Amino acid sequence: MKFEELDDVRWKMIEPLLPPKAKEGKPRFDDRTVVNGILYVLVTGCRWVDLPKKYGDDSTANRRLRNWERLGVWKRIMYALITEGYAKGIISMKELSIDSSTVAAKKGGR
């Protein structure tokens, strides 16, 4: 699958949804670069250690992915993208599909 970095339009939409930068201490590495690195790993399926250096340190990207998941950042971004898609008529319930699989639980499992 081909990976494309976030363009300026998408970045302007996502940036305000990210946690604010700390006012004190060491400045964090560029958010746009890190988000593109995270998306690169998720889209291509590569290992974190194989993240191209232009996206910064792999452990920084991995840590932000996990921290932002814990803070609900990715859910806010997804909600904003879905809302925009509905508003622009790009997404409709007629075209919605869900993929799932069924796995049997072991005896006594949930």
Protein backbone atom coordinates (compact mmCIF):
# COMPACT_ATOMS: atom_id res chain seq x y z
CA MET A 1 0.00 0.00 0.00
CA LYS A 2 1.30 3.44 -0.90
CA PHE A 3 1.79 5.89 1.96
CA GLU A 4 1.07 9.61 1.54
CA GLU A 5 1.97 12.13 4.21
CA LEU A 6 -0.64 14.50 5.61
CA ASP A 7 -1.21 17.50 3.38
CA ASP A 8 -1.63 21.02 4.80
CA VAL A 9 -5.44 20.83 4.76
CA ARG A 10 -5.58 17.61 6.80
CA TRP A 11 -2.84 18.80 9.14
CA LYS A 12 -4.71 22.04 9.90
CA MET A 13 -7.70 19.92 10.83
CA ILE A 14 -5.77 17.50 13.05
CA GLU A 15 -3.33 19.86 14.78
CA PRO A 16 -5.86 21.55 17.10
CA LEU A 17 -7.02 18.11 18.32
CA LEU A 18 -3.58 17.19 19.67
CA PRO A 19 -2.62 17.80 23.30
CA PRO A 20 -1.07 21.23 23.89
CA LYS A 21 2.69 21.47 24.07
CA ALA A 22 4.22 21.92 27.51
CA LYS A 23 5.08 25.51 28.38
CA GLU A 24 8.16 24.44 30.30
CA GLY A 25 10.87 21.85 29.84
CA LYS A 26 12.30 20.40 26.68
CA PRO A 27 10.15 21.12 23.61
CA ARG A 28 8.65 17.96 22.15
CA PHE A 29 9.64 16.81 18.68
CA ASP A 30 7.55 18.18 15.79
CA ASP A 31 4.00 16.77 15.99
CA ARG A 32 3.39 16.68 12.24
CA THR A 33 6.54 14.66 11.64
CA VAL A 34 5.62 12.23 14.41
CA VAL A 35 2.02 11.82 13.20
CA ASN A 36 3.31 11.10 9.70
CA GLY A 37 5.71 8.54 11.20
CA ILE A 38 2.91 6.86 13.14
CA LEU A 39 0.74 6.74 10.02
CA TYR A 40 3.68 5.36 8.02
CA VAL A 41 4.04 2.41 10.40
CA LEU A 42 0.29 1.77 10.54
CA VAL A 43 -0.21 1.97 6.76
CA THR A 44 2.88 0.06 5.64
CA GLY A 45 2.94 -2.46 8.49
CA CYS A 46 6.67 -2.02 9.02
CA ARG A 47 8.30 -2.57 12.41
CA TRP A 48 8.86 0.50 14.58
CA VAL A 49 12.63 0.02 14.33
CA ASP A 50 12.30 0.26 10.52
CA LEU A 51 10.64 3.69 10.66
CA PRO A 52 12.52 5.96 8.22
CA LYS A 53 14.76 8.45 10.06
CA LYS A 54 12.98 11.42 8.45
CA TYR A 55 10.10 10.71 10.88
CA GLY A 56 12.32 10.96 13.94
CA ASP A 57 12.96 8.39 16.64
CA ASP A 58 10.84 5.24 16.48
CA SER A 59 10.39 5.14 20.27
CA THR A 60 9.07 8.72 20.26
CA ALA A 61 6.47 7.84 17.63
CA ASN A 62 5.48 4.63 19.41
CA ARG A 63 5.23 6.37 22.78
CA ARG A 64 3.04 9.17 21.36
CA LEU A 65 0.79 6.64 19.64
CA ARG A 66 0.19 4.90 22.97
CA ASN A 67 -0.10 8.10 25.06
CA TRP A 68 -2.50 9.73 22.63
CA GLU A 69 -4.58 6.55 22.53
CA ARG A 70 -4.83 6.66 26.32
CA LEU A 71 -5.88 10.33 26.16
CA GLY A 72 -8.53 9.70 23.47
CA VAL A 73 -6.75 11.85 20.86
CA TRP A 74 -7.17 9.32 18.04
CA LYS A 75 -10.91 9.00 18.76
CA ARG A 76 -11.28 12.79 18.55
CA ILE A 77 -9.40 12.84 15.24
CA MET A 78 -11.53 10.01 13.82
CA TYR A 79 -14.73 11.73 14.94
CA ALA A 80 -13.63 14.99 13.30
CA LEU A 81 -12.79 13.20 10.03
CA ILE A 82 -16.12 11.35 10.02
CA THR A 83 -18.01 14.55 10.78
CA GLU A 84 -16.27 16.33 7.92
CA GLY A 85 -17.01 13.40 5.61
CA TYR A 86 -20.73 13.55 6.41
CA ALA A 87 -20.82 17.34 6.03
CA LYS A 88 -19.16 17.17 2.61
CA GLY A 89 -21.27 14.22 1.48
CA ILE A 90 -18.19 12.00 1.15
CA ILE A 91 -19.55 9.46 3.65
CA SER A 92 -23.09 8.15 3.93
CA MET A 93 -24.66 5.33 5.87
CA LYS A 94 -25.52 3.65 2.56
CA GLU A 95 -21.82 3.09 1.91
CA LEU A 96 -20.84 1.99 5.40
CA SER A 97 -19.45 -1.49 5.97
CA ILE A 98 -17.97 -3.21 8.98
CA ASP A 99 -15.53 -6.06 8.84
CA SER A 100 -15.34 -8.51 11.69
CA SER A 101 -14.30 -12.00 12.54
CA THR A 102 -15.60 -14.47 15.07
CA VAL A 103 -13.27 -16.32 17.40
CA ALA A 104 -14.53 -19.04 19.69
CA ALA A 105 -13.81 -18.42 23.37
CA LYS A 106 -12.07 -21.15 25.30
CA LYS A 107 -14.14 -22.92 27.92
CA GLY A 108 -14.73 -20.48 30.73
CA GLY A 109 -13.36 -17.57 28.68
CA ARG A 110 -15.10 -14.34 27.88
